[in-house]
């Protein structure tokens, strides 16, 4: 009998504990929401960096730049001894002059031949021979013109020029050294064609795409940038996408590293409200159902530990702030007195 009574008493106590409401505190979402600043690693890169080659062979007679020098586009970097190229230009010029003279002579012959045919002093076959000679002379003339143009270009190429505004980062060739066609003379990096490269995590895609502006913090200074392209490729090793930006006004130095920052226009809840139930992440809200306050678990599929929670409910929603740790979906809850007062209930 005593055992039966003890069991019955335990059952009553357990039932009363089960039916007891959990005490929680809530705040309206509008009081909790924020627009967090997100960031990702970024680096300033130059679109043009590499070796500047010689475009003709010869001995370097002058090397006009040193490491650290700024060179304008089209400015001469080095001079290759051009004696051989000049001689070749003269030879090609002579051949061109001879081809030009021959063409003019054959044209005059053709003109006289046409008159002689009309006078029946020569036959059609002879006129055809003269006409073919003109065509051959014209072909030779065009070939020599091209050869002369190449020779002139090779003389111009004795002056190795900068292809862009940049800085010399390395001297590769030396004065007095023999250099072959295509071999590098100096290494340069462009100082005007700069972009910012940043890796945007998959979890930040929504806020990144919705952002109105972007800045890069580097060297203790902030620079405004605008999005040029977001690559449509996910890098498997980092689970991120590369974004490229251009500077809108002042530019940072090439090679600078820092953080790309943007403010999300999307509303988020503080990270400490994150709860995990049945393998799902989210937060708790309180809804009034039939006169009872019931806890409801709102899943956030993109939620991560230590990061703000994406909020998609009405901003007047009551979000559980205290008492959430032992709460389950569907539990009846009782609001603390402070919560009731904050909601305008003074009873």
C-alpha atoms as a PDB file:
ATOM      1  CA  UNK A   1       0.000   0.000   0.000  1.00  0.00           C
ATOM      2  CA  UNK A   2       2.805   2.400   0.931  1.00  0.00           C
ATOM      3  CA  UNK A   3       4.554   1.567  -2.333  1.00  0.00           C
ATOM      4  CA  UNK A   4       1.361   2.331  -4.304  1.00  0.00           C
ATOM      5  CA  UNK A   5       0.970   5.702  -2.556  1.00  0.00           C
ATOM      6  CA  UNK A   6       4.601   6.611  -3.234  1.00  0.00           C
ATOM      7  CA  UNK A   7       4.184   5.783  -6.923  1.00  0.00           C
ATOM      8  CA  UNK A   8       0.969   7.803  -7.141  1.00  0.00           C
ATOM      9  CA  UNK A   9       2.589  10.790  -5.425  1.00  0.00           C
ATOM     10  CA  UNK A  10       5.569  10.645  -7.771  1.00  0.00           C
ATOM     11  CA  UNK A  11       3.203  10.535 -10.734  1.00  0.00           C
ATOM     12  CA  UNK A  12       1.320  13.609  -9.506  1.00  0.00           C
ATOM     13  CA  UNK A  13       4.565  15.529  -8.932  1.00  0.00           C
ATOM     14  CA  UNK A  14       5.904  14.570 -12.387  1.00  0.00           C
ATOM     15  CA  UNK A  15       2.605  15.604 -14.011  1.00  0.00           C
ATOM     16  CA  UNK A  16       2.617  18.963 -12.261  1.00  0.00           C
ATOM     17  CA  UNK A  17       6.264  19.568 -13.292  1.00  0.00           C
ATOM     18  CA  UNK A  18       5.442  18.656 -16.865  1.00  0.00           C
ATOM     19  CA  UNK A  19       2.516  21.011 -16.962  1.00  0.00           C
ATOM     20  CA  UNK A  20       4.497  23.909 -15.412  1.00  0.00           C
ATOM     21  CA  UNK A  21       5.277  26.690 -17.847  1.00  0.00           C
ATOM     22  CA  UNK A  22       8.899  27.540 -18.572  1.00  0.00           C
ATOM     23  CA  UNK A  23       9.837  31.061 -17.511  1.00  0.00           C
ATOM     24  CA  UNK A  24      11.354  33.056 -20.391  1.00  0.00           C
ATOM     25  CA  UNK A  25      12.148  36.639 -21.331  1.00  0.00           C
ATOM     26  CA  UNK A  26      11.492  38.056 -24.778  1.00  0.00           C
ATOM     27  CA  UNK A  27      12.205  41.158 -26.781  1.00  0.00           C
ATOM     28  CA  UNK A  28      10.596  42.332 -29.971  1.00  0.00           C
ATOM     29  CA  UNK A  29      12.752  41.578 -32.975  1.00  0.00           C
ATOM     30  CA  UNK A  30      12.967  45.262 -33.940  1.00  0.00           C
ATOM     31  CA  UNK A  31      14.920  45.912 -30.717  1.00  0.00           C
ATOM     32  CA  UNK A  32      17.394  43.125 -31.445  1.00  0.00           C
ATOM     33  CA  UNK A  33      17.943  43.339 -35.179  1.00  0.00           C
ATOM     34  CA  UNK A  34      21.170  44.666 -36.605  1.00  0.00           C
ATOM     35  CA  UNK A  35      22.908  45.041 -39.934  1.00  0.00           C
ATOM     36  CA  UNK A  36      26.335  43.525 -39.296  1.00  0.00           C
ATOM     37  CA  UNK A  37      29.498  44.401 -41.148  1.00  0.00           C
ATOM     38  CA  UNK A  38      30.956  41.432 -42.978  1.00  0.00           C
ATOM     39  CA  UNK A  39      34.512  41.077 -44.226  1.00  0.00           C
ATOM     40  CA  UNK A  40      36.825  38.816 -46.176  1.00  0.00           C
ATOM     41  CA  UNK A  41      40.579  38.713 -46.912  1.00  0.00           C
ATOM     42  CA  UNK A  42      41.600  40.902 -49.846  1.00  0.00           C
ATOM     43  CA  UNK A  43      44.727  41.757 -51.797  1.00  0.00           C
ATOM     44  CA  UNK A  44      45.544  44.538 -54.260  1.00  0.00           C
ATOM     45  CA  UNK A  45      46.870  43.060 -57.489  1.00  0.00           C
ATOM     46  CA  UNK A  46      48.316  44.572 -60.639  1.00  0.00           C
ATOM     47  CA  UNK A  47      46.771  43.494 -63.929  1.00  0.00           C
ATOM     48  CA  UNK A  48      50.155  43.717 -65.649  1.00  0.00           C
ATOM     49  CA  UNK A  49      53.329  42.380 -64.125  1.00  0.00           C
ATOM     50  CA  UNK A  50      56.188  40.609 -65.826  1.00  0.00           C
ATOM     51  CA  UNK A  51      59.347  40.743 -67.861  1.00  0.00           C
ATOM     52  CA  UNK A  52      59.792  43.323 -70.613  1.00  0.00           C
ATOM     53  CA  UNK A  53      61.590  41.583 -73.509  1.00  0.00           C
ATOM     54  CA  UNK A  54      63.937  42.773 -76.201  1.00  0.00           C
ATOM     55  CA  UNK A  55      62.326  42.633 -79.641  1.00  0.00           C
ATOM     56  CA  UNK A  56      65.593  42.438 -81.542  1.00  0.00           C
ATOM     57  CA  UNK A  57      68.983  40.815 -81.022  1.00  0.00           C
ATOM     58  CA  UNK A  58      72.163  42.690 -80.255  1.00  0.00           C
ATOM     59  CA  UNK A  59      74.468  44.040 -77.564  1.00  0.00           C
ATOM     60  CA  UNK A  60      72.873  46.258 -74.906  1.00  0.00           C
ATOM     61  CA  UNK A  61      74.572  49.637 -75.154  1.00  0.00           C
ATOM     62  CA  UNK A  62      72.462  51.461 -72.560  1.00  0.00           C
ATOM     63  CA  UNK A  63      70.251  50.448 -69.622  1.00  0.00           C
ATOM     64  CA  UNK A  64      68.433  53.592 -68.581  1.00  0.00           C
ATOM     65  CA  UNK A  65      66.476  52.456 -65.499  1.00  0.00           C
ATOM     66  CA  UNK A  66      67.181  51.092 -62.030  1.00  0.00           C
ATOM     67  CA  UNK A  67      65.075  49.125 -59.579  1.00  0.00           C
ATOM     68  CA  UNK A  68      62.399  51.366 -58.098  1.00  0.00           C
ATOM     69  CA  UNK A  69      62.282  53.791 -61.015  1.00  0.00           C
ATOM     70  CA  UNK A  70      58.856  54.821 -62.289  1.00  0.00           C
ATOM     71  CA  UNK A  71      58.659  54.571 -66.064  1.00  0.00           C
ATOM     72  CA  UNK A  72      56.000  56.171 -68.259  1.00  0.00           C
ATOM     73  CA  UNK A  73      54.294  54.303 -71.075  1.00  0.00           C
ATOM     74  CA  UNK A  74      56.446  54.503 -74.210  1.00  0.00           C
ATOM     75  CA  UNK A  75      59.567  55.634 -72.325  1.00  0.00           C
ATOM     76  CA  UNK A  76      62.838  54.001 -73.366  1.00  0.00           C
ATOM     77  CA  UNK A  77      64.129  51.447 -70.881  1.00  0.00           C
ATOM     78  CA  UNK A  78      67.221  50.195 -72.713  1.00  0.00           C
ATOM     79  CA  UNK A  79      69.060  50.639 -76.012  1.00  0.00           C
ATOM     80  CA  UNK A  80      70.366  47.754 -78.098  1.00  0.00           C
ATOM     81  CA  UNK A  81      73.319  48.383 -80.451  1.00  0.00           C
ATOM     82  CA  UNK A  82      71.605  48.947 -83.791  1.00  0.00           C
ATOM     83  CA  UNK A  83      74.422  48.940 -86.362  1.00  0.00           C
ATOM     84  CA  UNK A  84      73.374  45.681 -88.003  1.00  0.00           C
ATOM     85  CA  UNK A  85      69.725  46.692 -88.134  1.00  0.00           C
ATOM     86  CA  UNK A  86      70.600  50.053 -89.671  1.00  0.00           C
ATOM     87  CA  UNK A  87      72.676  48.371 -92.384  1.00  0.00           C
ATOM     88  CA  UNK A  88      69.801  45.982 -93.111  1.00  0.00           C
ATOM     89  CA  UNK A  89      67.442  48.923 -93.385  1.00  0.00           C
ATOM     90  CA  UNK A  90      69.723  50.620 -95.912  1.00  0.00           C
ATOM     91  CA  UNK A  91      69.994  47.423 -97.954  1.00  0.00           C
ATOM     92  CA  UNK A  92      66.236  46.946 -97.982  1.00  0.00           C
ATOM     93  CA  UNK A  93      65.738  50.603 -98.891  1.00  0.00           C
ATOM     94  CA  UNK A  94      68.017  50.136-101.919  1.00  0.00           C
ATOM     95  CA  UNK A  95      66.115  47.029-103.017  1.00  0.00           C
ATOM     96  CA  UNK A  96      62.838  48.865-102.618  1.00  0.00           C
ATOM     97  CA  UNK A  97      64.100  51.778-104.711  1.00  0.00           C
ATOM     98  CA  UNK A  98      65.159  49.352-107.468  1.00  0.00           C
ATOM     99  CA  UNK A  99      61.783  47.585-107.397  1.00  0.00           C
ATOM    100  CA  UNK A 100      60.029  50.947-107.570  1.00  0.00           C
ATOM    101  CA  UNK A 101      62.074  52.004-110.578  1.00  0.00           C
ATOM    102  CA  UNK A 102      61.429  48.698-112.347  1.00  0.00           C
ATOM    103  CA  UNK A 103      57.698  49.005-111.761  1.00  0.00           C
ATOM    104  CA  UNK A 104      57.589  52.518-113.171  1.00  0.00           C
ATOM    105  CA  UNK A 105      59.586  51.401-116.239  1.00  0.00           C
ATOM    106  CA  UNK A 106      57.271  48.444-116.887  1.00  0.00           C
ATOM    107  CA  UNK A 107      54.205  50.667-116.569  1.00  0.00           C
ATOM    108  CA  UNK A 108      55.590  53.018-119.212  1.00  0.00           C
ATOM    109  CA  UNK A 109      56.348  50.023-121.447  1.00  0.00           C
ATOM    110  CA  UNK A 110      52.771  48.856-121.066  1.00  0.00           C
ATOM    111  CA  UNK A 111      51.448  52.277-121.965  1.00  0.00           C
ATOM    112  CA  UNK A 112      53.602  52.397-125.137  1.00  0.00           C
ATOM    113  CA  UNK A 113      52.649  48.817-125.955  1.00  0.00           C
ATOM    114  CA  UNK A 114      48.952  49.647-125.953  1.00  0.00           C
ATOM    115  CA  UNK A 115      49.564  52.424-128.481  1.00  0.00           C
ATOM    116  CA  UNK A 116      51.666  50.114-130.686  1.00  0.00           C
ATOM    117  CA  UNK A 117      48.922  47.479-130.654  1.00  0.00           C
ATOM    118  CA  UNK A 118      46.442  50.075-131.867  1.00  0.00           C
ATOM    119  CA  UNK A 119      48.899  50.991-134.642  1.00  0.00           C
ATOM    120  CA  UNK A 120      49.326  47.266-135.387  1.00  0.00           C
ATOM    121  CA  UNK A 121      53.093  47.558-134.888  1.00  0.00           C
ATOM    122  CA  UNK A 122      53.134  44.711-132.297  1.00  0.00           C
ATOM    123  CA  UNK A 123      50.864  41.775-131.660  1.00  0.00           C
ATOM    124  CA  UNK A 124      48.603  40.896-128.743  1.00  0.00           C
ATOM    125  CA  UNK A 125      51.090  38.305-127.480  1.00  0.00           C
ATOM    126  CA  UNK A 126      53.787  40.931-127.043  1.00  0.00           C
ATOM    127  CA  UNK A 127      51.340  43.178-125.163  1.00  0.00           C
ATOM    128  CA  UNK A 128      50.469  40.273-122.855  1.00  0.00           C
ATOM    129  CA  UNK A 129      54.170  39.733-122.129  1.00  0.00           C
ATOM    130  CA  UNK A 130      54.554  43.410-121.174  1.00  0.00           C
ATOM    131  CA  UNK A 131      51.409  43.269-118.992  1.00  0.00           C
ATOM    132  CA  UNK A 132      52.749  40.220-117.137  1.00  0.00           C
ATOM    133  CA  UNK A 133      56.042  42.037-116.580  1.00  0.00           C
ATOM    134  CA  UNK A 134      54.109  44.882-114.934  1.00  0.00           C
ATOM    135  CA  UNK A 135      52.313  42.437-112.605  1.00  0.00           C
ATOM    136  CA  UNK A 136      55.611  40.804-111.645  1.00  0.00           C
ATOM    137  CA  UNK A 137      57.214  44.186-111.005  1.00  0.00           C
ATOM    138  CA  UNK A 138      54.275  45.222-108.818  1.00  0.00           C
ATOM    139  CA  UNK A 139      54.560  42.016-106.757  1.00  0.00           C
ATOM    140  CA  UNK A 140      58.283  42.622-106.299  1.00  0.00           C
ATOM    141  CA  UNK A 141      57.574  46.214-105.294  1.00  0.00           C
ATOM    142  CA  UNK A 142      55.045  45.105-102.623  1.00  0.00           C
ATOM    143  CA  UNK A 143      57.438  42.474-101.274  1.00  0.00           C
ATOM    144  CA  UNK A 144      60.250  45.002-100.993  1.00  0.00           C
ATOM    145  CA  UNK A 145      57.919  47.474 -99.327  1.00  0.00           C
ATOM    146  CA  UNK A 146      57.117  44.890 -96.648  1.00  0.00           C
ATOM    147  CA  UNK A 147      60.807  44.015 -96.206  1.00  0.00           C
ATOM    148  CA  UNK A 148      61.676  47.694 -95.789  1.00  0.00           C
ATOM    149  CA  UNK A 149      58.873  48.174 -93.239  1.00  0.00           C
ATOM    150  CA  UNK A 150      60.249  45.274 -91.196  1.00  0.00           C
ATOM    151  CA  UNK A 151      63.755  46.710 -91.381  1.00  0.00           C
ATOM    152  CA  UNK A 152      62.522  50.106 -90.190  1.00  0.00           C
ATOM    153  CA  UNK A 153      60.596  48.439 -87.357  1.00  0.00           C
ATOM    154  CA  UNK A 154      63.713  46.524 -86.269  1.00  0.00           C
ATOM    155  CA  UNK A 155      65.632  49.782 -86.054  1.00  0.00           C
ATOM    156  CA  UNK A 156      62.891  51.234 -83.877  1.00  0.00           C
ATOM    157  CA  UNK A 157      63.001  48.116 -81.705  1.00  0.00           C
ATOM    158  CA  UNK A 158      66.583  48.849 -80.774  1.00  0.00           C
ATOM    159  CA  UNK A 159      64.967  51.138 -78.184  1.00  0.00           C
ATOM    160  CA  UNK A 160      63.237  48.875 -75.644  1.00  0.00           C
ATOM    161  CA  UNK A 161      60.205  50.820 -74.422  1.00  0.00           C
ATOM    162  CA  UNK A 162      57.829  50.463 -71.494  1.00  0.00           C
ATOM    163  CA  UNK A 163      54.377  49.128 -72.488  1.00  0.00           C
ATOM    164  CA  UNK A 164      52.667  50.844 -69.533  1.00  0.00           C
ATOM    165  CA  UNK A 165      53.142  53.205 -66.604  1.00  0.00           C
ATOM    166  CA  UNK A 166      54.891  51.160 -63.985  1.00  0.00           C
ATOM    167  CA  UNK A 167      57.778  50.572 -61.626  1.00  0.00           C
ATOM    168  CA  UNK A 168      60.938  48.585 -62.345  1.00  0.00           C
ATOM    169  CA  UNK A 169      61.187  45.736 -59.851  1.00  0.00           C
ATOM    170  CA  UNK A 170      64.242  43.949 -61.270  1.00  0.00           C
ATOM    171  CA  UNK A 171      67.079  44.523 -63.746  1.00  0.00           C
ATOM    172  CA  UNK A 172      67.689  41.287 -65.626  1.00  0.00           C
ATOM    173  CA  UNK A 173      70.046  42.256 -68.466  1.00  0.00           C
ATOM    174  CA  UNK A 174      73.291  44.226 -68.203  1.00  0.00           C
ATOM    175  CA  UNK A 175      75.088  46.805 -70.325  1.00  0.00           C
ATOM    176  CA  UNK A 176      77.497  45.130 -72.744  1.00  0.00           C
ATOM    177  CA  UNK A 177      75.682  41.806 -72.654  1.00  0.00           C
ATOM    178  CA  UNK A 178      74.423  40.114 -75.808  1.00  0.00           C
ATOM    179  CA  UNK A 179      70.675  39.737 -75.782  1.00  0.00           C
ATOM    180  CA  UNK A 180      68.547  37.602 -78.080  1.00  0.00           C
ATOM    181  CA  UNK A 181      65.094  38.346 -79.437  1.00  0.00           C
ATOM    182  CA  UNK A 182      62.448  37.738 -76.739  1.00  0.00           C
ATOM    183  CA  UNK A 183      64.857  37.646 -73.797  1.00  0.00           C
ATOM    184  CA  UNK A 184      63.865  39.811 -70.776  1.00  0.00           C
ATOM    185  CA  UNK A 185      65.572  43.105 -70.074  1.00  0.00           C
ATOM    186  CA  UNK A 186      63.800  44.220 -66.880  1.00  0.00           C
ATOM    187  CA  UNK A 187      60.887  43.161 -64.708  1.00  0.00           C
ATOM    188  CA  UNK A 188      58.085  45.708 -64.230  1.00  0.00           C
ATOM    189  CA  UNK A 189      54.756  46.039 -62.480  1.00  0.00           C
ATOM    190  CA  UNK A 190      51.988  48.360 -63.634  1.00  0.00           C
ATOM    191  CA  UNK A 191      50.966  50.967 -61.055  1.00  0.00           C
ATOM    192  CA  UNK A 192      47.701  52.140 -62.627  1.00  0.00           C
ATOM    193  CA  UNK A 193      45.909  48.936 -63.687  1.00  0.00           C
ATOM    194  CA  UNK A 194      45.093  47.783 -60.148  1.00  0.00           C
ATOM    195  CA  UNK A 195      42.259  45.635 -58.855  1.00  0.00           C
ATOM    196  CA  UNK A 196      41.238  44.164 -55.515  1.00  0.00           C
ATOM    197  CA  UNK A 197      40.755  40.414 -55.273  1.00  0.00           C
ATOM    198  CA  UNK A 198      38.675  39.014 -52.400  1.00  0.00           C
ATOM    199  CA  UNK A 199      37.359  35.559 -51.510  1.00  0.00           C
ATOM    200  CA  UNK A 200      33.669  35.654 -50.602  1.00  0.00           C
ATOM    201  CA  UNK A 201      32.494  32.735 -48.455  1.00  0.00           C
ATOM    202  CA  UNK A 202      29.358  30.911 -49.576  1.00  0.00           C
ATOM    203  CA  UNK A 203      27.658  31.804 -46.295  1.00  0.00           C
ATOM    204  CA  UNK A 204      28.176  35.511 -47.047  1.00  0.00           C
ATOM    205  CA  UNK A 205      26.735  35.435 -50.562  1.00  0.00           C
ATOM    206  CA  UNK A 206      23.333  36.877 -49.658  1.00  0.00           C
ATOM    207  CA  UNK A 207      24.657  39.864 -47.720  1.00  0.00           C
ATOM    208  CA  UNK A 208      27.437  40.458 -50.242  1.00  0.00           C
ATOM    209  CA  UNK A 209      25.074  40.561 -53.217  1.00  0.00           C
ATOM    210  CA  UNK A 210      22.688  42.887 -51.398  1.00  0.00           C
ATOM    211  CA  UNK A 211      25.357  45.324 -50.175  1.00  0.00           C
ATOM    212  CA  UNK A 212      25.260  48.893 -51.473  1.00  0.00           C
ATOM    213  CA  UNK A 213      28.954  49.713 -51.117  1.00  0.00           C
ATOM    214  CA  UNK A 214      32.342  48.111 -50.404  1.00  0.00           C
ATOM    215  CA  UNK A 215      35.613  49.302 -48.884  1.00  0.00           C
ATOM    216  CA  UNK A 216      39.039  47.772 -48.379  1.00  0.00           C
ATOM    217  CA  UNK A 217      41.013  48.370 -45.192  1.00  0.00           C
ATOM    218  CA  UNK A 218      44.755  48.159 -45.733  1.00  0.00           C
ATOM    219  CA  UNK A 219      47.760  49.882 -44.251  1.00  0.00           C
ATOM    220  CA  UNK A 220      45.593  51.666 -41.696  1.00  0.00           C
ATOM    221  CA  UNK A 221      43.592  53.393 -44.414  1.00  0.00           C
ATOM    222  CA  UNK A 222      40.221  52.786 -46.040  1.00  0.00           C
ATOM    223  CA  UNK A 223      39.646  52.847 -49.811  1.00  0.00           C
ATOM    224  CA  UNK A 224      36.333  52.837 -51.659  1.00  0.00           C
ATOM    225  CA  UNK A 225      35.967  50.161 -54.318  1.00  0.00           C
ATOM    226  CA  UNK A 226      33.222  49.044 -56.686  1.00  0.00           C
ATOM    227  CA  UNK A 227      32.420  45.493 -57.730  1.00  0.00           C
ATOM    228  CA  UNK A 228      33.578  44.648 -61.253  1.00  0.00           C
ATOM    229  CA  UNK A 229      32.925  40.919 -61.360  1.00  0.00           C
ATOM    230  CA  UNK A 230      31.946  37.973 -59.164  1.00  0.00           C
ATOM    231  CA  UNK A 231      33.378  34.829 -60.711  1.00  0.00           C
ATOM    232  CA  UNK A 232      30.755  32.125 -61.346  1.00  0.00           C
ATOM    233  CA  UNK A 233      33.077  29.448 -59.959  1.00  0.00           C
ATOM    234  CA  UNK A 234      33.210  28.028 -56.426  1.00  0.00           C
ATOM    235  CA  UNK A 235      36.704  27.158 -55.238  1.00  0.00           C
ATOM    236  CA  UNK A 236      36.451  23.701 -53.707  1.00  0.00           C
ATOM    237  CA  UNK A 237      39.307  24.116 -51.264  1.00  0.00           C
ATOM    238  CA  UNK A 238      37.864  27.284 -49.691  1.00  0.00           C
ATOM    239  CA  UNK A 239      34.165  26.995 -50.593  1.00  0.00           C
ATOM    240  CA  UNK A 240      34.207  30.580 -51.754  1.00  0.00           C
ATOM    241  CA  UNK A 241      33.989  32.700 -54.906  1.00  0.00           C
ATOM    242  CA  UNK A 242      36.491  35.268 -56.065  1.00  0.00           C
ATOM    243  CA  UNK A 243      35.277  38.840 -56.474  1.00  0.00           C
ATOM    244  CA  UNK A 244      37.167  41.563 -58.346  1.00  0.00           C
ATOM    245  CA  UNK A 245      36.886  45.265 -57.521  1.00  0.00           C
ATOM    246  CA  UNK A 246      38.227  48.499 -58.965  1.00  0.00           C
ATOM    247  CA  UNK A 247      39.169  51.595 -56.989  1.00  0.00           C
ATOM    248  CA  UNK A 248      36.687  54.459 -57.327  1.00  0.00           C
ATOM    249  CA  UNK A 249      39.144  57.239 -56.430  1.00  0.00           C
ATOM    250  CA  UNK A 250      42.398  56.894 -54.513  1.00  0.00           C
ATOM    251  CA  UNK A 251      44.279  53.616 -54.968  1.00  0.00           C
ATOM    252  CA  UNK A 252      46.345  51.495 -52.600  1.00  0.00           C
ATOM    253  CA  UNK A 253      49.760  50.079 -53.410  1.00  0.00           C
ATOM    254  CA  UNK A 254      50.012  46.939 -55.484  1.00  0.00           C
ATOM    255  CA  UNK A 255      50.531  43.904 -53.279  1.00  0.00           C
ATOM    256  CA  UNK A 256      48.763  45.439 -50.269  1.00  0.00           C
ATOM    257  CA  UNK A 257      46.741  43.018 -48.170  1.00  0.00           C
ATOM    258  CA  UNK A 258      43.786  43.793 -45.932  1.00  0.00           C
ATOM    259  CA  UNK A 259      40.085  43.172 -45.420  1.00  0.00           C
ATOM    260  CA  UNK A 260      37.225  43.851 -47.771  1.00  0.00           C
ATOM    261  CA  UNK A 261      34.252  45.121 -45.762  1.00  0.00           C
ATOM    262  CA  UNK A 262      30.582  45.659 -46.504  1.00  0.00           C
ATOM    263  CA  UNK A 263      27.482  46.248 -44.415  1.00  0.00           C
ATOM    264  CA  UNK A 264      24.630  43.872 -44.899  1.00  0.00           C
ATOM    265  CA  UNK A 265      21.262  45.523 -45.621  1.00  0.00           C
ATOM    266  CA  UNK A 266      19.640  42.284 -44.470  1.00  0.00           C
ATOM    267  CA  UNK A 267      18.407  42.102 -40.854  1.00  0.00           C
ATOM    268  CA  UNK A 268      20.162  39.689 -38.477  1.00  0.00           C
ATOM    269  CA  UNK A 269      19.696  38.595 -34.866  1.00  0.00           C
ATOM    270  CA  UNK A 270      22.665  38.518 -32.451  1.00  0.00           C
ATOM    271  CA  UNK A 271      24.754  35.349 -32.647  1.00  0.00           C
ATOM    272  CA  UNK A 272      24.250  34.422 -28.966  1.00  0.00           C
ATOM    273  CA  UNK A 273      20.577  33.606 -29.623  1.00  0.00           C
ATOM    274  CA  UNK A 274      21.538  30.585 -31.715  1.00  0.00           C
ATOM    275  CA  UNK A 275      20.111  27.280 -30.467  1.00  0.00           C
ATOM    276  CA  UNK A 276      20.392  23.743 -31.809  1.00  0.00           C
ATOM    277  CA  UNK A 277      17.519  21.268 -31.689  1.00  0.00           C
ATOM    278  CA  UNK A 278      17.354  17.862 -33.391  1.00  0.00           C
ATOM    279  CA  UNK A 279      20.372  18.671 -35.534  1.00  0.00           C
ATOM    280  CA  UNK A 280      18.868  21.958 -36.727  1.00  0.00           C
ATOM    281  CA  UNK A 281      20.036  25.506 -35.928  1.00  0.00           C
ATOM    282  CA  UNK A 282      17.787  28.468 -35.252  1.00  0.00           C
ATOM    283  CA  UNK A 283      16.170  30.559 -32.518  1.00  0.00           C
ATOM    284  CA  UNK A 284      12.988  30.623 -30.428  1.00  0.00           C
ATOM    285  CA  UNK A 285      10.025  32.973 -30.640  1.00  0.00           C
ATOM    286  CA  UNK A 286       6.856  33.135 -28.589  1.00  0.00           C
ATOM    287  CA  UNK A 287       3.427  32.982 -30.174  1.00  0.00           C
ATOM    288  CA  UNK A 288       0.021  33.320 -28.526  1.00  0.00           C
ATOM    289  CA  UNK A 289      -2.087  30.253 -29.304  1.00  0.00           C
ATOM    290  CA  UNK A 290      -5.529  30.062 -27.703  1.00  0.00           C
ATOM    291  CA  UNK A 291      -4.558  32.348 -24.867  1.00  0.00           C
ATOM    292  CA  UNK A 292      -1.358  30.438 -24.148  1.00  0.00           C
ATOM    293  CA  UNK A 293       2.211  31.540 -24.859  1.00  0.00           C
ATOM    294  CA  UNK A 294       3.859  28.811 -26.917  1.00  0.00           C
ATOM    295  CA  UNK A 295       7.533  28.587 -27.878  1.00  0.00           C
ATOM    296  CA  UNK A 296       8.229  28.041 -31.542  1.00  0.00           C
ATOM    297  CA  UNK A 297      11.609  27.046 -32.977  1.00  0.00           C
ATOM    298  CA  UNK A 298      12.538  28.943 -36.160  1.00  0.00           C
ATOM    299  CA  UNK A 299      15.120  27.082 -38.221  1.00  0.00           C
ATOM    300  CA  UNK A 300      17.844  29.052 -40.013  1.00  0.00           C
ATOM    301  CA  UNK A 301      19.527  26.777 -42.544  1.00  0.00           C
ATOM    302  CA  UNK A 302      22.455  29.180 -43.099  1.00  0.00           C
ATOM    303  CA  UNK A 303      23.180  29.614 -39.372  1.00  0.00           C
ATOM    304  CA  UNK A 304      26.766  29.178 -38.151  1.00  0.00           C
ATOM    305  CA  UNK A 305      28.245  29.183 -34.661  1.00  0.00           C
ATOM    306  CA  UNK A 306      29.397  32.630 -33.583  1.00  0.00           C
ATOM    307  CA  UNK A 307      27.752  34.448 -36.512  1.00  0.00           C
ATOM    308  CA  UNK A 308      24.554  36.558 -36.582  1.00  0.00           C
ATOM    309  CA  UNK A 309      21.325  34.785 -37.515  1.00  0.00           C
ATOM    310  CA  UNK A 310      19.423  35.632 -40.655  1.00  0.00           C
ATOM    311  CA  UNK A 311      15.993  36.952 -39.672  1.00  0.00           C
ATOM    312  CA  UNK A 312      12.981  36.628 -41.964  1.00  0.00           C
ATOM    313  CA  UNK A 313      10.036  37.013 -39.585  1.00  0.00           C
ATOM    314  CA  UNK A 314       7.901  40.056 -38.792  1.00  0.00           C
ATOM    315  CA  UNK A 315       9.856  42.672 -36.839  1.00  0.00           C
ATOM    316  CA  UNK A 316       7.146  42.696 -34.129  1.00  0.00           C
ATOM    317  CA  UNK A 317       7.845  39.026 -33.389  1.00  0.00           C
ATOM    318  CA  UNK A 318       8.726  38.262 -29.746  1.00  0.00           C
ATOM    319  CA  UNK A 319      12.144  36.609 -29.710  1.00  0.00           C
ATOM    320  CA  UNK A 320      13.195  34.574 -26.666  1.00  0.00           C
ATOM    321  CA  UNK A 321      16.303  36.083 -25.078  1.00  0.00           C
ATOM    322  CA  UNK A 322      16.479  34.356 -21.654  1.00  0.00           C
ATOM    323  CA  UNK A 323      15.381  30.855 -20.698  1.00  0.00           C
ATOM    324  CA  UNK A 324      15.979  29.514 -24.200  1.00  0.00           C
ATOM    325  CA  UNK A 325      18.570  26.877 -23.371  1.00  0.00           C
ATOM    326  CA  UNK A 326      16.164  24.216 -22.047  1.00  0.00           C
ATOM    327  CA  UNK A 327      13.307  25.209 -24.307  1.00  0.00           C
ATOM    328  CA  UNK A 328      11.751  22.943 -26.926  1.00  0.00           C
ATOM    329  CA  UNK A 329       9.449  23.615 -29.829  1.00  0.00           C
ATOM    330  CA  UNK A 330       5.821  23.679 -28.659  1.00  0.00           C
ATOM    331  CA  UNK A 331       6.569  24.254 -24.945  1.00  0.00           C
ATOM    332  CA  UNK A 332       4.179  26.466 -23.039  1.00  0.00           C
ATOM    333  CA  UNK A 333       6.084  29.391 -21.598  1.00  0.00           C
ATOM    334  CA  UNK A 334       5.462  32.107 -19.051  1.00  0.00           C
ATOM    335  CA  UNK A 335       6.857  35.560 -19.663  1.00  0.00           C
ATOM    336  CA  UNK A 336       8.864  37.256 -16.921  1.00  0.00           C
ATOM    337  CA  UNK A 337       7.441  40.346 -15.251  1.00  0.00           C
ATOM    338  CA  UNK A 338      10.037  42.575 -16.953  1.00  0.00           C
ATOM    339  CA  UNK A 339       8.905  41.272 -20.322  1.00  0.00           C
ATOM    340  CA  UNK A 340       5.263  41.938 -19.510  1.00  0.00           C
ATOM    341  CA  UNK A 341       6.037  45.500 -18.442  1.00  0.00           C
ATOM    342  CA  UNK A 342       8.084  46.156 -21.546  1.00  0.00           C
ATOM    343  CA  UNK A 343       5.060  45.016 -23.563  1.00  0.00           C
ATOM    344  CA  UNK A 344       2.806  47.488 -21.731  1.00  0.00           C
ATOM    345  CA  UNK A 345       1.166  45.041 -19.265  1.00  0.00           C
ATOM    346  CA  UNK A 346       1.298  46.503 -15.708  1.00  0.00           C
ATOM    347  CA  UNK A 347      -0.946  43.905 -14.107  1.00  0.00           C
END
